[in-house]
Amino acid sequence: MMSGHSRSYKEGLHRRLRNDELAANYLQAALEDSQAAFLVALKNVLDARTVAAVARVSKVSREHIYQMLSGNGNPTLKSLQKILHSLGLRLTIGLDKTHAKTPVSANEQSSHHHATLSEA
């Protein structure tokens, strides 16, 4: 039966996602794919860790968690940070080496700003 295979897959996934490092790598890979994939992955991590416990620790209601992880969900940065913090995770920013350099880098902004100030 398919339901037995599906259930054992989900149970295995949840068991793996209780490992902090595996959960972090799983969420990172999903985030690199898309926002929708990230929200599904975060829901899987929360299910593995028990949503009620995450809600209690993060002080974000279970209803709000389910709403933000729904298909139409659009979590705020603040809510996302609270939830990730309760899981022992955090958001970080890194360089995206797959894209060309941005049109205005910090150095170019700084030199442009100084030139404007010195001309005044």
C-alpha atoms as a PDB file:
ATOM      1  CA  MET A   1       0.000   0.000   0.000  1.00  0.00           C
ATOM      2  CA  MET A   2       1.184   3.501  -0.775  1.00  0.00           C
ATOM      3  CA  SER A   3       0.015   4.966   2.533  1.00  0.00           C
ATOM      4  CA  GLY A   4       2.375   2.681   4.474  1.00  0.00           C
ATOM      5  CA  HIS A   5       5.322   3.732   2.342  1.00  0.00           C
ATOM      6  CA  SER A   6       4.344   7.366   2.617  1.00  0.00           C
ATOM      7  CA  ARG A   7       3.972   7.160   6.383  1.00  0.00           C
ATOM      8  CA  SER A   8       7.329   5.429   6.846  1.00  0.00           C
ATOM      9  CA  TYR A   9       9.005   8.037   4.612  1.00  0.00           C
ATOM     10  CA  LYS A  10       7.483  10.860   6.663  1.00  0.00           C
ATOM     11  CA  GLU A  11       8.446   9.162   9.937  1.00  0.00           C
ATOM     12  CA  GLY A  12      12.008   8.733   8.677  1.00  0.00           C
ATOM     13  CA  LEU A  13      12.137  12.346   7.532  1.00  0.00           C
ATOM     14  CA  HIS A  14      10.874  13.562  10.913  1.00  0.00           C
ATOM     15  CA  ARG A  15      13.424  11.392  12.718  1.00  0.00           C
ATOM     16  CA  ARG A  16      16.246  12.913  10.627  1.00  0.00           C
ATOM     17  CA  LEU A  17      14.903  16.456  11.080  1.00  0.00           C
ATOM     18  CA  ARG A  18      15.205  16.144  14.858  1.00  0.00           C
ATOM     19  CA  ASN A  19      18.959  16.395  14.255  1.00  0.00           C
ATOM     20  CA  ASP A  20      19.851  20.110  14.371  1.00  0.00           C
ATOM     21  CA  GLU A  21      22.546  19.970  11.689  1.00  0.00           C
ATOM     22  CA  LEU A  22      20.406  17.942   9.282  1.00  0.00           C
ATOM     23  CA  ALA A  23      17.458  20.296   9.857  1.00  0.00           C
ATOM     24  CA  ALA A  24      19.647  23.347   9.174  1.00  0.00           C
ATOM     25  CA  ASN A  25      21.015  21.832   5.935  1.00  0.00           C
ATOM     26  CA  TYR A  26      17.511  20.782   4.852  1.00  0.00           C
ATOM     27  CA  LEU A  27      16.126  24.290   5.412  1.00  0.00           C
ATOM     28  CA  GLN A  28      19.096  25.901   3.639  1.00  0.00           C
ATOM     29  CA  ALA A  29      18.665  23.682   0.569  1.00  0.00           C
ATOM     30  CA  ALA A  30      14.922  24.424   0.477  1.00  0.00           C
ATOM     31  CA  LEU A  31      15.526  28.178   0.817  1.00  0.00           C
ATOM     32  CA  GLU A  32      17.939  28.079  -2.117  1.00  0.00           C
ATOM     33  CA  ASP A  33      15.176  26.414  -4.165  1.00  0.00           C
ATOM     34  CA  SER A  34      12.255  28.774  -3.462  1.00  0.00           C
ATOM     35  CA  GLN A  35      10.231  30.486  -0.757  1.00  0.00           C
ATOM     36  CA  ALA A  36       7.465  27.895  -1.200  1.00  0.00           C
ATOM     37  CA  ALA A  37       9.943  25.020  -0.774  1.00  0.00           C
ATOM     38  CA  PHE A  38      11.359  26.710   2.334  1.00  0.00           C
ATOM     39  CA  LEU A  39       7.908  27.039   3.921  1.00  0.00           C
ATOM     40  CA  VAL A  40       7.159  23.345   3.244  1.00  0.00           C
ATOM     41  CA  ALA A  41      10.550  22.380   4.683  1.00  0.00           C
ATOM     42  CA  LEU A  42      10.008  24.545   7.759  1.00  0.00           C
ATOM     43  CA  LYS A  43       6.622  22.897   8.297  1.00  0.00           C
ATOM     44  CA  ASN A  44       8.321  19.483   8.113  1.00  0.00           C
ATOM     45  CA  VAL A  45      10.925  20.576  10.671  1.00  0.00           C
ATOM     46  CA  LEU A  46       8.208  21.953  12.956  1.00  0.00           C
ATOM     47  CA  ASP A  47       6.180  18.740  12.643  1.00  0.00           C
ATOM     48  CA  ALA A  48       9.295  16.770  13.572  1.00  0.00           C
ATOM     49  CA  ARG A  49       9.854  18.975  16.624  1.00  0.00           C
ATOM     50  CA  THR A  50       6.141  19.315  17.602  1.00  0.00           C
ATOM     51  CA  VAL A  51       4.486  22.562  16.575  1.00  0.00           C
ATOM     52  CA  ALA A  52       2.914  23.061  20.009  1.00  0.00           C
ATOM     53  CA  ALA A  53       6.340  23.054  21.691  1.00  0.00           C
ATOM     54  CA  VAL A  54       7.776  25.447  19.096  1.00  0.00           C
ATOM     55  CA  ALA A  55       4.764  27.744  19.525  1.00  0.00           C
ATOM     56  CA  ARG A  56       5.226  27.763  23.302  1.00  0.00           C
ATOM     57  CA  VAL A  57       8.957  28.517  23.154  1.00  0.00           C
ATOM     58  CA  SER A  58       8.752  31.037  20.286  1.00  0.00           C
ATOM     59  CA  LYS A  59       5.660  32.778  21.695  1.00  0.00           C
ATOM     60  CA  VAL A  60       4.090  32.584  18.223  1.00  0.00           C
ATOM     61  CA  SER A  61       0.632  30.971  18.347  1.00  0.00           C
ATOM     62  CA  ARG A  62       0.119  27.598  16.682  1.00  0.00           C
ATOM     63  CA  GLU A  63      -2.635  29.156  14.571  1.00  0.00           C
ATOM     64  CA  HIS A  64      -0.263  31.869  13.349  1.00  0.00           C
ATOM     65  CA  ILE A  65       2.438  29.275  12.606  1.00  0.00           C
ATOM     66  CA  TYR A  66       0.026  27.176  10.528  1.00  0.00           C
ATOM     67  CA  GLN A  67      -1.270  30.288   8.757  1.00  0.00           C
ATOM     68  CA  MET A  68       2.204  31.523   7.810  1.00  0.00           C
ATOM     69  CA  LEU A  69       3.206  28.065   6.565  1.00  0.00           C
ATOM     70  CA  SER A  70       0.079  27.623   4.442  1.00  0.00           C
ATOM     71  CA  GLY A  71       0.139  27.942   0.673  1.00  0.00           C
ATOM     72  CA  ASN A  72      -0.737  31.621   0.984  1.00  0.00           C
ATOM     73  CA  GLY A  73       1.529  32.193   3.963  1.00  0.00           C
ATOM     74  CA  ASN A  74       3.844  35.151   4.054  1.00  0.00           C
ATOM     75  CA  PRO A  75       5.694  35.101   7.376  1.00  0.00           C
ATOM     76  CA  THR A  76       7.185  38.279   8.743  1.00  0.00           C
ATOM     77  CA  LEU A  77      10.897  38.330   9.394  1.00  0.00           C
ATOM     78  CA  LYS A  78      10.185  38.774  13.108  1.00  0.00           C
ATOM     79  CA  SER A  79       7.951  35.668  13.286  1.00  0.00           C
ATOM     80  CA  LEU A  80      10.409  33.645  11.236  1.00  0.00           C
ATOM     81  CA  GLN A  81      13.297  34.652  13.501  1.00  0.00           C
ATOM     82  CA  LYS A  82      11.322  33.722  16.634  1.00  0.00           C
ATOM     83  CA  ILE A  83      10.489  30.292  15.231  1.00  0.00           C
ATOM     84  CA  LEU A  84      14.018  29.596  14.002  1.00  0.00           C
ATOM     85  CA  HIS A  85      15.469  30.776  17.328  1.00  0.00           C
ATOM     86  CA  SER A  86      13.188  28.366  19.199  1.00  0.00           C
ATOM     87  CA  LEU A  87      14.671  25.590  17.029  1.00  0.00           C
ATOM     88  CA  GLY A  88      18.224  26.688  17.790  1.00  0.00           C
ATOM     89  CA  LEU A  89      18.629  28.105  14.266  1.00  0.00           C
ATOM     90  CA  ARG A  90      19.173  31.593  12.866  1.00  0.00           C
ATOM     91  CA  LEU A  91      19.009  33.442   9.583  1.00  0.00           C
ATOM     92  CA  THR A  92      22.304  34.461   8.018  1.00  0.00           C
ATOM     93  CA  ILE A  93      23.278  36.436   4.934  1.00  0.00           C
ATOM     94  CA  GLY A  94      25.942  35.245   2.545  1.00  0.00           C
ATOM     95  CA  LEU A  95      27.321  36.268  -0.816  1.00  0.00           C
ATOM     96  CA  ASP A  96      25.501  34.857  -3.819  1.00  0.00           C
ATOM     97  CA  LYS A  97      28.375  33.819  -6.037  1.00  0.00           C
ATOM     98  CA  THR A  98      26.051  32.573  -8.785  1.00  0.00           C
ATOM     99  CA  HIS A  99      24.914  36.078  -9.755  1.00  0.00           C
ATOM    100  CA  ALA A 100      26.880  38.892 -11.322  1.00  0.00           C
ATOM    101  CA  LYS A 101      28.091  41.645  -9.031  1.00  0.00           C
ATOM    102  CA  THR A 102      25.377  44.089  -8.049  1.00  0.00           C
ATOM    103  CA  PRO A 103      25.325  47.362 -10.004  1.00  0.00           C
ATOM    104  CA  VAL A 104      26.240  49.385  -6.919  1.00  0.00           C
ATOM    105  CA  SER A 105      28.560  47.756  -4.408  1.00  0.00           C
ATOM    106  CA  ALA A 106      29.194  49.153  -0.930  1.00  0.00           C
ATOM    107  CA  ASN A 107      32.586  50.540  -2.064  1.00  0.00           C
ATOM    108  CA  GLU A 108      31.049  52.316  -5.054  1.00  0.00           C
ATOM    109  CA  GLN A 109      28.300  53.786  -2.864  1.00  0.00           C
ATOM    110  CA  SER A 110      30.864  54.989  -0.342  1.00  0.00           C
ATOM    111  CA  SER A 111      33.128  56.647  -2.931  1.00  0.00           C
ATOM    112  CA  HIS A 112      30.121  58.220  -4.655  1.00  0.00           C
ATOM    113  CA  HIS A 113      28.868  59.531  -1.329  1.00  0.00           C
ATOM    114  CA  HIS A 114      32.301  61.012  -0.479  1.00  0.00           C
ATOM    115  CA  ALA A 115      32.578  62.671  -3.888  1.00  0.00           C
ATOM    116  CA  THR A 116      29.170  64.241  -3.404  1.00  0.00           C
ATOM    117  CA  LEU A 117      30.157  65.527   0.040  1.00  0.00           C
ATOM    118  CA  SER A 118      33.479  66.950  -1.138  1.00  0.00           C
ATOM    119  CA  GLU A 119      31.783  68.753  -4.049  1.00  0.00           C
ATOM    120  CA  ALA A 120      29.361  70.476  -1.677  1.00  0.00           C
END
